[in-house]
N, C-alpha and C. Protein backbone atom coordinates (compact mmCIF):
# COMPACT_ATOMS: atom_id res chain seq x y z
N MET A 1 106.08 107.19 114.61
CA MET A 1 106.22 106.98 113.10
C MET A 1 104.75 106.85 112.48
N ALA A 2 104.47 107.63 111.51
CA ALA A 2 103.17 107.58 110.89
C ALA A 2 103.05 106.26 110.05
N SER A 3 101.87 105.94 109.83
CA SER A 3 101.61 104.59 108.98
C SER A 3 102.21 104.81 107.59
N SER A 4 102.15 106.01 107.03
CA SER A 4 102.68 106.18 105.67
C SER A 4 104.16 106.14 105.61
N ASP A 5 104.79 106.22 106.86
CA ASP A 5 106.30 106.20 106.82
C ASP A 5 106.81 104.75 107.12
N ARG A 6 105.91 103.78 107.48
CA ARG A 6 106.43 102.50 107.80
C ARG A 6 106.67 101.66 106.60
N PRO A 7 107.52 100.70 106.61
CA PRO A 7 107.92 99.86 105.46
C PRO A 7 106.64 99.22 104.90
N GLY A 8 106.42 99.22 103.66
CA GLY A 8 105.28 98.62 103.00
C GLY A 8 105.80 97.63 102.05
N ARG A 9 104.75 96.97 101.32
CA ARG A 9 105.01 95.86 100.48
C ARG A 9 105.22 96.36 99.14
N GLY A 10 105.21 97.66 98.92
CA GLY A 10 105.52 98.21 97.62
C GLY A 10 104.23 98.61 96.84
N GLU A 11 104.46 99.77 95.93
CA GLU A 11 103.41 100.19 95.15
C GLU A 11 103.91 100.49 93.83
N GLY A 12 103.13 100.33 92.76
CA GLY A 12 103.58 100.81 91.42
C GLY A 12 104.49 99.93 90.98
N VAL A 13 104.68 98.62 91.31
CA VAL A 13 105.70 97.80 90.85
C VAL A 13 105.23 97.03 89.56
N PRO A 14 106.21 96.59 88.78
CA PRO A 14 105.83 95.71 87.51
C PRO A 14 104.84 94.62 87.88
N SER A 15 103.95 94.40 87.01
CA SER A 15 103.21 93.11 87.27
C SER A 15 103.98 91.84 86.95
N GLY A 16 103.50 90.76 87.45
CA GLY A 16 104.04 89.42 87.26
C GLY A 16 105.40 89.14 87.97
N CYS A 17 105.72 90.05 88.88
CA CYS A 17 106.93 89.75 89.63
C CYS A 17 106.68 88.77 90.70
N THR A 18 107.67 87.83 90.82
CA THR A 18 107.55 86.80 91.90
C THR A 18 108.35 86.98 93.12
N TRP A 19 109.07 88.18 93.11
CA TRP A 19 109.85 88.56 94.36
C TRP A 19 108.99 89.41 95.26
N PRO A 20 109.38 89.61 96.44
CA PRO A 20 108.66 90.64 97.36
C PRO A 20 108.65 92.01 96.64
N LEU A 21 107.41 92.62 96.81
CA LEU A 21 107.18 93.91 96.16
C LEU A 21 108.19 94.91 96.44
N SER A 22 108.69 94.80 97.69
CA SER A 22 109.72 95.92 98.11
C SER A 22 111.11 95.67 97.65
N SER A 23 111.29 94.53 96.90
CA SER A 23 112.72 94.27 96.54
C SER A 23 113.13 94.97 95.18
N LEU A 24 114.47 94.97 95.08
CA LEU A 24 115.01 95.70 93.93
C LEU A 24 114.61 95.11 92.57
N LEU A 25 114.67 93.72 92.58
CA LEU A 25 114.21 93.07 91.32
C LEU A 25 112.74 93.24 91.01
N CYS A 26 111.90 93.41 91.81
CA CYS A 26 110.55 93.54 91.61
C CYS A 26 110.22 95.09 91.11
N ARG A 27 111.03 95.95 91.64
CA ARG A 27 110.83 97.39 91.40
C ARG A 27 111.44 97.81 90.06
N LEU A 28 112.32 96.98 89.53
CA LEU A 28 112.94 97.24 88.24
C LEU A 28 111.92 96.99 87.06
N PRO A 29 111.87 97.86 86.07
CA PRO A 29 111.10 97.50 84.87
C PRO A 29 111.60 96.27 84.37
N PRO A 30 110.66 95.48 83.52
CA PRO A 30 111.02 94.14 83.06
C PRO A 30 112.38 94.10 82.29
N VAL A 31 112.45 95.02 81.31
CA VAL A 31 113.79 95.02 80.49
C VAL A 31 115.03 95.17 81.32
N GLU A 32 115.00 96.16 82.25
CA GLU A 32 116.23 96.40 83.02
C GLU A 32 116.44 95.21 84.02
N ARG A 33 115.40 94.63 84.58
CA ARG A 33 115.43 93.39 85.28
C ARG A 33 116.25 92.32 84.64
N GLU A 34 115.75 92.09 83.37
CA GLU A 34 116.54 91.02 82.67
C GLU A 34 117.89 91.34 82.33
N ARG A 35 118.18 92.61 82.11
CA ARG A 35 119.65 93.02 81.88
C ARG A 35 120.45 92.75 83.08
N LEU A 36 119.96 93.03 84.29
CA LEU A 36 120.61 92.79 85.53
C LEU A 36 120.86 91.33 85.76
N LEU A 37 119.84 90.46 85.44
CA LEU A 37 119.84 89.12 85.79
C LEU A 37 120.69 88.40 84.60
N ALA A 38 121.13 89.08 83.63
CA ALA A 38 122.01 88.54 82.72
C ALA A 38 123.54 88.66 83.02
N LEU A 39 123.73 89.36 84.14
CA LEU A 39 125.07 89.48 84.63
C LEU A 39 125.52 88.31 85.46
N GLY A 40 126.87 88.04 85.43
CA GLY A 40 127.33 87.00 86.30
C GLY A 40 126.99 85.59 86.04
N THR A 41 127.02 84.70 86.94
CA THR A 41 126.79 83.32 86.87
C THR A 41 125.86 82.87 88.02
N GLU A 42 125.07 82.03 87.67
CA GLU A 42 124.14 81.56 88.81
C GLU A 42 124.76 80.40 89.70
N VAL A 43 124.52 80.59 90.88
CA VAL A 43 125.06 79.66 91.89
C VAL A 43 124.02 79.30 92.92
N ARG A 44 124.17 78.09 93.57
CA ARG A 44 123.26 77.74 94.53
C ARG A 44 124.07 77.36 95.84
N TYR A 45 123.53 77.64 96.95
CA TYR A 45 124.29 77.50 98.21
C TYR A 45 123.33 76.61 99.17
N PRO A 46 124.01 75.80 99.91
CA PRO A 46 123.12 75.05 101.08
C PRO A 46 122.90 76.03 102.09
N ALA A 47 122.13 75.60 103.07
CA ALA A 47 121.79 76.29 104.27
C ALA A 47 123.11 76.34 105.16
N GLY A 48 123.26 77.42 105.83
CA GLY A 48 124.41 77.53 106.71
C GLY A 48 125.67 77.97 106.09
N ARG A 49 125.77 78.24 104.76
CA ARG A 49 126.95 78.61 104.01
C ARG A 49 127.15 80.12 104.15
N VAL A 50 128.38 80.46 104.50
CA VAL A 50 128.89 81.95 104.57
C VAL A 50 129.13 82.27 103.08
N LEU A 51 128.34 83.32 102.64
CA LEU A 51 128.58 83.86 101.29
C LEU A 51 129.50 84.94 101.16
N VAL A 52 129.50 85.79 102.18
CA VAL A 52 130.31 86.93 102.27
C VAL A 52 130.75 86.97 103.73
N ARG A 53 132.22 87.22 103.94
CA ARG A 53 132.71 87.35 105.33
C ARG A 53 133.10 88.71 105.63
N GLU A 54 132.84 89.18 106.91
CA GLU A 54 133.14 90.45 107.39
C GLU A 54 134.62 90.70 107.33
N SER A 55 135.14 91.90 106.79
CA SER A 55 136.48 92.14 106.72
C SER A 55 137.27 91.68 105.57
N ASP A 56 136.75 90.66 104.78
CA ASP A 56 137.35 90.11 103.57
C ASP A 56 137.37 91.24 102.57
N THR A 57 138.36 91.16 101.58
CA THR A 57 138.56 92.04 100.56
C THR A 57 137.98 91.63 99.25
N THR A 58 137.15 90.70 99.22
CA THR A 58 136.43 90.38 97.98
C THR A 58 135.53 91.53 97.63
N ASP A 59 135.12 91.65 96.40
CA ASP A 59 134.32 92.80 95.94
C ASP A 59 133.10 92.34 95.00
N PHE A 60 132.78 91.25 94.89
CA PHE A 60 131.75 90.76 94.04
C PHE A 60 130.39 91.07 94.78
N LEU A 61 129.26 91.06 94.14
CA LEU A 61 127.97 91.24 94.78
C LEU A 61 127.06 90.07 94.35
N LEU A 62 126.06 89.75 95.09
CA LEU A 62 125.12 88.71 94.92
C LEU A 62 123.73 89.26 94.62
N VAL A 63 123.16 88.83 93.54
CA VAL A 63 121.86 89.13 93.21
C VAL A 63 121.02 87.99 93.79
N LEU A 64 120.22 88.04 94.77
CA LEU A 64 119.59 86.81 95.33
C LEU A 64 118.28 86.65 94.47
N LEU A 65 118.21 85.35 94.09
CA LEU A 65 117.10 84.87 93.24
C LEU A 65 116.06 84.19 94.09
N ALA A 66 116.38 83.42 95.07
CA ALA A 66 115.46 82.65 95.96
C ALA A 66 116.27 82.46 97.14
N GLY A 67 115.41 82.31 98.26
CA GLY A 67 116.02 81.91 99.62
C GLY A 67 116.12 83.15 100.49
N VAL A 68 116.60 82.91 101.67
CA VAL A 68 116.84 83.94 102.62
C VAL A 68 118.24 83.96 103.18
N VAL A 69 118.82 85.13 103.52
CA VAL A 69 120.06 85.15 104.11
C VAL A 69 120.03 86.11 105.37
N LYS A 70 121.05 85.87 106.20
CA LYS A 70 121.13 86.83 107.26
C LYS A 70 122.33 87.62 107.30
N VAL A 71 122.30 88.88 107.67
CA VAL A 71 123.43 89.78 107.68
C VAL A 71 123.91 90.00 109.09
N THR A 72 125.09 89.64 109.49
CA THR A 72 125.60 89.72 110.83
C THR A 72 126.87 90.51 110.88
N GLY A 73 127.01 91.15 112.07
CA GLY A 73 128.27 91.87 112.32
C GLY A 73 128.89 91.38 113.70
N ARG A 74 130.16 91.48 113.77
CA ARG A 74 130.90 91.03 115.01
C ARG A 74 130.93 92.10 115.97
N THR A 75 130.49 91.92 117.28
CA THR A 75 130.65 92.93 118.25
C THR A 75 131.94 92.90 118.88
N HIS A 76 132.25 93.86 119.66
CA HIS A 76 133.56 94.01 120.48
C HIS A 76 133.70 92.89 121.46
N ASP A 77 132.54 92.33 121.93
CA ASP A 77 132.69 91.18 122.87
C ASP A 77 132.61 89.87 122.13
N HIS A 78 132.81 89.92 120.79
CA HIS A 78 132.88 88.65 120.00
C HIS A 78 131.55 87.96 119.76
N ARG A 79 130.48 88.59 119.88
CA ARG A 79 129.21 88.11 119.54
C ARG A 79 128.74 88.46 118.07
N ASP A 80 127.97 87.67 117.47
CA ASP A 80 127.43 87.97 116.26
C ASP A 80 126.06 88.65 116.39
N ALA A 81 126.01 89.89 115.94
CA ALA A 81 124.76 90.67 116.04
C ALA A 81 124.03 90.60 114.61
N LEU A 82 122.78 90.21 114.67
CA LEU A 82 121.92 90.21 113.44
C LEU A 82 121.57 91.67 113.04
N LEU A 83 122.02 92.07 111.91
CA LEU A 83 121.84 93.45 111.40
C LEU A 83 120.60 93.56 110.49
N ALA A 84 120.37 92.43 109.65
CA ALA A 84 119.35 92.55 108.73
C ALA A 84 119.06 91.12 108.17
N VAL A 85 117.92 90.96 107.40
CA VAL A 85 117.72 89.80 106.60
C VAL A 85 117.45 90.16 105.20
N ARG A 86 117.78 89.47 104.32
CA ARG A 86 117.56 89.72 102.82
C ARG A 86 116.89 88.41 102.24
N MET A 87 116.12 88.69 101.15
CA MET A 87 115.45 87.64 100.51
C MET A 87 115.65 87.73 99.06
N GLY A 88 115.21 86.67 98.30
CA GLY A 88 115.22 86.70 96.84
C GLY A 88 114.63 88.09 96.34
N GLY A 89 115.34 88.65 95.39
CA GLY A 89 114.93 89.98 94.90
C GLY A 89 115.89 91.03 95.32
N ASP A 90 116.72 90.75 96.45
CA ASP A 90 117.55 91.86 97.00
C ASP A 90 118.95 91.60 96.52
N LEU A 91 119.68 92.70 96.68
CA LEU A 91 121.22 92.55 96.49
C LEU A 91 121.86 92.46 97.76
N VAL A 92 123.04 91.70 97.87
CA VAL A 92 123.89 91.68 99.02
C VAL A 92 125.29 91.87 98.61
N GLY A 93 126.14 92.65 99.36
CA GLY A 93 127.40 92.61 98.99
C GLY A 93 127.79 93.89 98.05
N GLU A 94 126.70 94.75 97.80
CA GLU A 94 126.82 95.87 96.80
C GLU A 94 127.75 96.97 97.53
N PHE A 95 127.78 97.11 98.84
CA PHE A 95 128.61 98.15 99.32
C PHE A 95 130.09 98.04 98.83
N ALA A 96 130.63 96.76 99.00
CA ALA A 96 132.03 96.63 98.54
C ALA A 96 132.10 96.73 96.95
N ALA A 97 131.05 96.33 96.34
CA ALA A 97 131.19 96.38 94.84
C ALA A 97 131.13 97.88 94.48
N VAL A 98 130.56 98.73 95.13
CA VAL A 98 130.52 100.11 94.91
C VAL A 98 131.88 100.88 95.18
N ASP A 99 132.29 100.64 96.52
CA ASP A 99 133.36 101.47 96.90
C ASP A 99 134.76 100.65 96.93
N GLY A 100 134.71 99.32 96.83
CA GLY A 100 135.99 98.61 96.82
C GLY A 100 136.53 98.43 98.26
N ARG A 101 135.89 98.75 99.25
CA ARG A 101 136.43 98.61 100.63
C ARG A 101 136.14 97.24 101.21
N PRO A 102 136.70 96.80 102.34
CA PRO A 102 136.58 95.50 102.85
C PRO A 102 135.12 95.31 103.26
N ARG A 103 134.71 94.06 103.38
CA ARG A 103 133.37 93.79 103.70
C ARG A 103 132.96 94.31 105.00
N SER A 104 131.74 94.92 105.07
CA SER A 104 131.32 95.47 106.52
C SER A 104 130.49 94.48 107.35
N ALA A 105 130.03 93.37 106.73
CA ALA A 105 129.37 92.35 107.39
C ALA A 105 129.44 91.02 106.82
N THR A 106 128.98 90.02 107.66
CA THR A 106 128.88 88.59 107.10
C THR A 106 127.53 88.28 106.65
N VAL A 107 127.48 87.56 105.50
CA VAL A 107 126.23 87.04 105.04
C VAL A 107 126.20 85.54 104.99
N THR A 108 125.17 84.97 105.55
CA THR A 108 125.05 83.50 105.68
C THR A 108 123.68 83.09 105.20
N SER A 109 123.60 81.98 104.46
CA SER A 109 122.34 81.47 104.04
C SER A 109 121.59 80.77 105.18
N CYS A 110 120.27 81.18 105.34
CA CYS A 110 119.38 80.63 106.22
C CYS A 110 118.80 79.30 105.78
N GLY A 111 118.79 79.03 104.55
CA GLY A 111 118.32 77.82 103.87
C GLY A 111 118.88 77.68 102.44
N PRO A 112 118.39 76.94 101.66
CA PRO A 112 118.99 76.80 100.25
C PRO A 112 118.72 78.26 99.62
N VAL A 113 119.76 78.71 98.91
CA VAL A 113 119.75 80.03 98.30
C VAL A 113 120.21 79.98 96.83
N ALA A 114 119.56 80.52 95.98
CA ALA A 114 120.07 80.69 94.57
C ALA A 114 120.37 82.24 94.32
N ALA A 115 121.48 82.47 93.64
CA ALA A 115 121.84 83.87 93.44
C ALA A 115 122.71 83.82 92.20
N ARG A 116 122.89 85.11 91.71
CA ARG A 116 123.79 85.29 90.56
C ARG A 116 125.01 85.98 91.19
N VAL A 117 126.19 85.48 91.03
CA VAL A 117 127.29 86.23 91.45
C VAL A 117 127.89 87.10 90.35
N VAL A 118 128.12 88.45 90.66
CA VAL A 118 128.41 89.32 89.68
C VAL A 118 129.75 90.17 90.18
N SER A 119 130.72 90.13 89.23
CA SER A 119 132.06 90.74 89.55
C SER A 119 131.81 92.28 89.70
N ARG A 120 132.70 92.81 90.40
CA ARG A 120 132.60 94.42 90.57
C ARG A 120 132.69 95.04 89.25
N PRO A 121 133.70 94.71 88.36
CA PRO A 121 133.84 95.39 87.09
C PRO A 121 132.53 95.29 86.22
N ALA A 122 131.84 94.19 86.17
CA ALA A 122 130.59 93.87 85.41
C ALA A 122 129.64 94.78 86.00
N PHE A 123 129.46 94.85 87.29
CA PHE A 123 128.38 95.64 87.94
C PHE A 123 128.63 97.09 87.68
N LEU A 124 129.76 97.63 87.88
CA LEU A 124 130.10 99.02 87.62
C LEU A 124 129.86 99.43 86.21
N ASP A 125 130.19 98.44 85.26
CA ASP A 125 129.92 98.74 83.86
C ASP A 125 128.48 98.89 83.64
N CYS A 126 127.72 97.95 84.23
CA CYS A 126 126.30 98.00 84.04
C CYS A 126 125.67 99.21 84.61
N MET A 127 126.16 99.66 85.74
CA MET A 127 125.67 100.94 86.40
C MET A 127 125.82 102.17 85.47
N ARG A 128 127.10 102.15 84.79
CA ARG A 128 127.39 103.22 83.90
C ARG A 128 126.39 103.20 82.54
N ARG A 129 126.17 102.01 82.16
CA ARG A 129 125.48 101.87 80.85
C ARG A 129 123.88 101.96 81.05
N GLU A 130 123.45 101.50 82.25
CA GLU A 130 122.08 101.51 82.48
C GLU A 130 121.61 102.44 83.68
N PRO A 131 121.20 103.61 83.21
CA PRO A 131 120.71 104.60 84.32
C PRO A 131 119.56 104.23 85.22
N ARG A 132 118.73 103.45 84.61
CA ARG A 132 117.51 102.98 85.42
C ARG A 132 118.11 101.99 86.50
N ILE A 133 118.94 101.06 86.17
CA ILE A 133 119.40 100.14 87.08
C ILE A 133 120.22 100.87 88.13
N ALA A 134 120.99 101.78 87.80
CA ALA A 134 121.90 102.59 88.72
C ALA A 134 121.02 103.29 89.58
N GLN A 135 119.90 103.96 89.14
CA GLN A 135 118.97 104.65 90.06
C GLN A 135 118.25 103.68 91.03
N ALA A 136 117.84 102.56 90.53
CA ALA A 136 117.27 101.65 91.44
C ALA A 136 118.24 101.05 92.47
N VAL A 137 119.49 100.76 92.19
CA VAL A 137 120.49 100.29 93.08
C VAL A 137 120.71 101.39 94.04
N ASN A 138 120.86 102.61 93.59
CA ASN A 138 121.04 103.75 94.56
C ASN A 138 119.95 103.94 95.49
N GLU A 139 118.71 103.82 94.92
CA GLU A 139 117.59 103.83 95.93
C GLU A 139 117.54 102.81 96.95
N SER A 140 117.92 101.49 96.51
CA SER A 140 117.96 100.36 97.38
C SER A 140 118.99 100.61 98.58
N ILE A 141 120.10 101.17 98.23
CA ILE A 141 121.13 101.41 99.14
C ILE A 141 120.65 102.51 100.15
N VAL A 142 120.08 103.52 99.65
CA VAL A 142 119.62 104.60 100.50
C VAL A 142 118.46 104.10 101.45
N THR A 143 117.67 103.21 100.81
CA THR A 143 116.46 102.66 101.70
C THR A 143 117.10 101.78 102.82
N LYS A 144 118.13 101.09 102.61
CA LYS A 144 118.81 100.30 103.67
C LYS A 144 119.38 101.21 104.76
N LEU A 145 119.96 102.28 104.33
CA LEU A 145 120.56 103.21 105.23
C LEU A 145 119.33 103.97 106.04
N ARG A 146 118.34 104.36 105.39
CA ARG A 146 117.13 104.98 106.08
C ARG A 146 116.62 104.00 107.07
N VAL A 147 116.38 102.76 106.76
CA VAL A 147 115.87 101.77 107.67
C VAL A 147 116.64 101.65 108.87
N ALA A 148 118.06 101.58 108.62
CA ALA A 148 118.99 101.52 109.74
C ALA A 148 118.82 102.69 110.76
N ASN A 149 118.74 103.82 110.06
CA ASN A 149 118.66 105.12 110.88
C ASN A 149 117.31 105.06 111.69
N ASP A 150 116.14 104.87 110.91
CA ASP A 150 114.88 104.82 111.45
C ASP A 150 114.83 104.05 112.60
N ARG A 151 115.50 102.87 112.57
CA ARG A 151 115.39 101.88 113.66
C ARG A 151 116.11 102.45 114.91
N ARG A 152 117.31 103.08 114.66
CA ARG A 152 118.05 103.71 115.84
C ARG A 152 117.04 104.72 116.47
N ILE A 153 116.47 105.63 115.63
CA ILE A 153 115.65 106.71 116.20
C ILE A 153 114.54 106.16 116.75
N ASP A 154 113.77 105.21 116.16
CA ASP A 154 112.48 104.65 116.56
C ASP A 154 112.66 103.89 117.96
N PHE A 155 113.90 103.39 118.28
CA PHE A 155 114.00 102.58 119.44
C PHE A 155 114.30 103.46 120.64
N THR A 156 114.62 104.62 120.35
CA THR A 156 114.97 105.57 121.53
C THR A 156 113.79 105.70 122.42
N GLY A 157 114.01 105.34 123.70
CA GLY A 157 112.92 105.53 124.73
C GLY A 157 111.88 104.46 124.66
N CYS A 158 112.12 103.42 123.89
CA CYS A 158 111.14 102.25 123.90
C CYS A 158 111.55 101.20 124.74
N ASP A 159 110.55 100.53 125.34
CA ASP A 159 111.04 99.35 126.15
C ASP A 159 111.28 98.20 125.12
N ALA A 160 111.72 97.02 125.68
CA ALA A 160 112.09 96.04 124.85
C ALA A 160 111.00 95.24 124.20
N ALA A 161 109.84 95.32 124.88
CA ALA A 161 108.74 94.58 124.22
C ALA A 161 108.22 95.40 122.95
N THR A 162 108.24 96.72 123.13
CA THR A 162 107.81 97.59 122.02
C THR A 162 108.77 97.46 120.78
N ARG A 163 110.09 97.42 121.21
CA ARG A 163 111.02 97.32 120.18
C ARG A 163 110.94 95.86 119.41
N LEU A 164 110.77 94.84 120.15
CA LEU A 164 110.46 93.61 119.53
C LEU A 164 109.27 93.59 118.55
N ALA A 165 108.20 94.22 119.05
CA ALA A 165 106.96 94.27 118.28
C ALA A 165 107.26 94.93 116.97
N ARG A 166 108.04 96.09 117.00
CA ARG A 166 108.28 96.80 115.80
C ARG A 166 109.11 96.04 114.86
N VAL A 167 110.14 95.31 115.44
CA VAL A 167 111.03 94.49 114.57
C VAL A 167 110.09 93.41 113.84
N ILE A 168 109.26 92.80 114.48
CA ILE A 168 108.53 91.74 113.93
C ILE A 168 107.50 92.38 112.82
N HIS A 169 106.90 93.46 113.28
CA HIS A 169 106.02 94.21 112.34
C HIS A 169 106.75 94.72 111.05
N GLN A 170 107.93 95.08 111.15
CA GLN A 170 108.69 95.55 110.04
C GLN A 170 109.02 94.35 109.11
N ILE A 171 109.53 93.21 109.68
CA ILE A 171 109.89 92.14 108.95
C ILE A 171 108.62 91.46 108.16
N ALA A 172 107.51 91.40 108.87
CA ALA A 172 106.33 90.96 108.31
C ALA A 172 105.89 91.73 107.17
N LEU A 173 105.93 92.93 107.29
CA LEU A 173 105.46 93.84 106.17
C LEU A 173 106.39 93.81 105.03
N THR A 174 107.70 93.74 105.28
CA THR A 174 108.65 93.70 104.26
C THR A 174 108.81 92.41 103.49
N TYR A 175 108.81 91.30 104.32
CA TYR A 175 109.25 89.87 103.91
C TYR A 175 108.24 88.80 104.13
N GLY A 176 107.10 89.11 104.89
CA GLY A 176 106.19 88.09 105.21
C GLY A 176 105.26 87.82 104.09
N ASP A 177 104.79 86.59 104.06
CA ASP A 177 103.68 86.24 103.13
C ASP A 177 102.31 86.49 103.56
N PRO A 178 101.51 87.41 103.05
CA PRO A 178 100.22 87.77 103.48
C PRO A 178 99.20 86.57 103.65
N VAL A 179 98.65 86.39 104.89
CA VAL A 179 97.70 85.26 105.10
C VAL A 179 96.62 85.93 105.85
N GLY A 180 95.45 86.02 105.38
CA GLY A 180 94.31 86.63 106.07
C GLY A 180 94.68 88.02 106.45
N ALA A 181 94.43 88.27 107.81
CA ALA A 181 94.68 89.55 108.47
C ALA A 181 96.13 89.67 108.91
N GLY A 182 96.91 88.54 108.65
CA GLY A 182 98.36 88.64 109.20
C GLY A 182 99.31 88.19 108.02
N ALA A 183 100.35 87.67 108.41
CA ALA A 183 101.53 87.36 107.52
C ALA A 183 102.25 86.20 108.18
N VAL A 184 102.87 85.34 107.35
CA VAL A 184 103.75 84.42 107.78
C VAL A 184 105.20 84.66 107.50
N ILE A 185 106.10 84.58 108.37
CA ILE A 185 107.55 84.76 108.15
C ILE A 185 108.06 83.30 107.99
N ARG A 186 108.34 82.89 106.67
CA ARG A 186 108.58 81.50 106.43
C ARG A 186 110.07 81.10 106.52
N TRP A 187 111.04 82.04 106.85
CA TRP A 187 112.27 81.69 107.00
C TRP A 187 112.76 81.46 108.49
N PRO A 188 113.68 80.75 108.92
CA PRO A 188 113.94 80.52 110.26
C PRO A 188 114.58 81.68 110.87
N ILE A 189 114.07 82.10 112.09
CA ILE A 189 114.60 83.19 112.90
C ILE A 189 114.68 82.74 114.41
N THR A 190 115.69 82.81 115.02
CA THR A 190 115.90 82.33 116.36
C THR A 190 115.57 83.51 117.41
N GLN A 191 115.36 83.12 118.60
CA GLN A 191 115.11 84.12 119.61
C GLN A 191 116.49 84.93 119.84
N PRO A 192 117.64 84.38 119.82
CA PRO A 192 118.92 85.11 120.02
C PRO A 192 118.96 86.34 118.86
N GLU A 193 118.52 85.83 117.55
CA GLU A 193 118.55 86.76 116.48
C GLU A 193 117.54 87.89 116.73
N LEU A 194 116.49 87.63 117.17
CA LEU A 194 115.37 88.56 117.53
C LEU A 194 115.97 89.54 118.58
N ALA A 195 116.67 88.86 119.48
CA ALA A 195 117.18 89.77 120.61
C ALA A 195 118.17 90.79 120.01
N THR A 196 119.07 90.39 119.10
CA THR A 196 120.06 91.22 118.64
C THR A 196 119.37 92.37 117.66
N LEU A 197 118.39 91.99 117.04
CA LEU A 197 117.62 92.90 116.06
C LEU A 197 116.90 94.03 116.94
N SER A 198 116.33 93.52 118.15
CA SER A 198 115.60 94.44 118.96
C SER A 198 116.35 95.09 119.99
N GLY A 199 117.71 94.77 120.23
CA GLY A 199 118.51 95.33 121.21
C GLY A 199 118.03 94.90 122.65
N ALA A 200 117.71 93.63 122.73
CA ALA A 200 117.21 93.18 124.06
C ALA A 200 117.93 91.89 124.42
N ALA A 201 117.85 91.51 125.74
CA ALA A 201 118.40 90.21 126.27
C ALA A 201 117.53 89.10 125.79
N GLU A 202 118.02 87.92 125.54
CA GLU A 202 117.28 86.82 125.10
C GLU A 202 116.11 86.44 126.05
N PRO A 203 116.21 86.48 127.36
CA PRO A 203 115.19 86.18 128.30
C PRO A 203 114.07 87.24 128.18
N THR A 204 114.40 88.54 127.90
CA THR A 204 113.47 89.56 127.74
C THR A 204 112.51 89.31 126.56
N VAL A 205 113.19 88.82 125.44
CA VAL A 205 112.54 88.47 124.19
C VAL A 205 111.65 87.41 124.44
N HIS A 206 112.02 86.42 125.15
CA HIS A 206 111.28 85.19 125.50
C HIS A 206 109.99 85.67 126.20
N LYS A 207 110.09 86.57 127.17
CA LYS A 207 108.82 87.12 127.83
C LYS A 207 107.96 87.95 126.91
N ALA A 208 108.55 88.72 126.09
CA ALA A 208 107.85 89.62 125.20
C ALA A 208 107.07 88.89 124.15
N LEU A 209 107.69 87.84 123.63
CA LEU A 209 107.01 86.92 122.66
C LEU A 209 105.79 86.23 123.45
N ARG A 210 105.97 85.91 124.48
CA ARG A 210 104.86 85.20 125.32
C ARG A 210 103.71 86.20 125.43
N ARG A 211 103.95 87.43 125.63
CA ARG A 211 102.89 88.47 125.84
C ARG A 211 102.22 88.82 124.47
N LEU A 212 103.08 88.68 123.40
CA LEU A 212 102.40 88.82 122.07
C LEU A 212 101.60 87.67 121.67
N ARG A 213 101.92 86.50 122.06
CA ARG A 213 101.04 85.35 121.88
C ARG A 213 99.87 85.46 122.65
N GLU A 214 99.97 85.87 123.88
CA GLU A 214 98.71 85.94 124.71
C GLU A 214 97.80 86.99 124.23
N ALA A 215 98.33 87.97 123.58
CA ALA A 215 97.50 89.13 123.02
C ALA A 215 96.93 88.70 121.74
N GLY A 216 97.14 87.55 121.32
CA GLY A 216 96.70 87.11 119.89
C GLY A 216 97.32 87.75 118.77
N ALA A 217 98.56 88.43 118.89
CA ALA A 217 99.11 89.13 117.84
C ALA A 217 99.83 88.13 116.97
N VAL A 218 100.59 87.17 117.65
CA VAL A 218 101.52 86.39 117.01
C VAL A 218 101.36 84.86 117.41
N THR A 219 101.70 83.89 116.69
CA THR A 219 101.94 82.52 117.10
C THR A 219 103.38 82.11 116.70
N THR A 220 103.97 81.25 117.41
CA THR A 220 105.49 80.95 117.09
C THR A 220 105.48 79.35 117.11
N GLY A 221 106.39 78.98 116.23
CA GLY A 221 106.78 77.44 116.23
C GLY A 221 108.32 77.41 116.19
N TYR A 222 108.81 76.24 115.87
CA TYR A 222 110.23 76.14 115.83
C TYR A 222 110.94 77.08 114.82
N ARG A 223 111.50 78.20 115.29
CA ARG A 223 112.22 78.99 114.39
C ARG A 223 111.24 79.62 113.38
N THR A 224 110.00 79.82 113.68
CA THR A 224 109.01 80.44 112.76
C THR A 224 108.10 81.35 113.55
N ILE A 225 107.63 82.35 112.79
CA ILE A 225 106.77 83.43 113.46
C ILE A 225 105.57 83.51 112.43
N ARG A 226 104.33 83.60 112.95
CA ARG A 226 103.20 83.95 112.14
C ARG A 226 102.52 85.20 112.96
N VAL A 227 102.32 86.19 112.17
CA VAL A 227 101.59 87.44 112.62
C VAL A 227 100.20 87.10 112.33
N GLU A 228 99.33 86.88 113.45
CA GLU A 228 97.92 86.55 113.26
C GLU A 228 97.10 87.77 112.77
N ASN A 229 97.60 89.03 113.27
CA ASN A 229 96.74 90.26 112.96
C ASN A 229 97.70 91.33 112.88
N LEU A 230 97.99 91.88 111.75
CA LEU A 230 98.97 92.89 111.48
C LEU A 230 98.40 94.22 112.11
N GLU A 231 97.26 94.54 112.07
CA GLU A 231 96.73 95.70 112.80
C GLU A 231 96.79 95.76 114.25
N LEU A 232 96.61 94.56 114.83
CA LEU A 232 96.72 94.42 116.35
C LEU A 232 98.25 94.63 116.68
N LEU A 233 99.14 93.90 115.86
CA LEU A 233 100.57 94.06 116.18
C LEU A 233 101.04 95.48 115.99
N GLU A 234 100.44 96.15 115.01
CA GLU A 234 100.93 97.71 114.90
C GLU A 234 100.40 98.48 115.98
N THR A 235 99.28 98.17 116.59
CA THR A 235 98.83 98.98 117.84
C THR A 235 99.75 98.83 118.93
N ILE A 236 100.28 97.50 118.96
CA ILE A 236 101.20 97.31 120.03
C ILE A 236 102.56 97.96 119.74
N ALA A 237 103.02 97.87 118.58
CA ALA A 237 104.37 98.38 118.19
C ALA A 237 104.36 99.75 118.21
N TYR A 238 103.31 100.55 117.89
CA TYR A 238 103.24 102.04 117.73
C TYR A 238 101.99 102.57 118.58
N PRO A 239 102.16 102.43 119.90
CA PRO A 239 101.05 102.81 120.79
C PRO A 239 100.74 104.32 120.67
């Protein structure tokens, strides 16, 4: 994967945005952003709350204002596989809001979360009336699908350590807070969750993390990861 193809922190976004540069809210022009944020009602959730449950027939969506959620899916052997993480500025639940089908995944808060809950009729009406919002939402959905496809292709033929390095690199670029030559991932992520994201066994992830620490690419704490040098991690992830 070339450097220009990898997830970035965003370019050409409106100034004064407090969300991640890659997020939908940050990429929307200010007027359209305010119109989207005027929809629905604001709600707050504590850590560990299920916001959307897989297979449910609800069809609202959430515009995340602050906090972090994890998106998980149930495997055939009844394990929860971590599919993605989303932060303030992102939409979650928009697939069901668009097509009206049952939920494809479960969304759980990783800490306190603030969001606006928007009904499907209000969301679809907004999409019809606001072409810029509709275009931004469509681009956001396509980006999520591209990332999922790229991950499948990118992982083909890679060993577990390389896959883990690529997962951490992608998360740091997309959601990390830049600090010096690296970035801090400030939301809690467990080794089992890293294992499901990288398609590896938990003991393998434990060993791979140790090697990344020894190389000086990352440091880890209790459910936290700090990338000390993004360029170094990139050379490990994309040799």
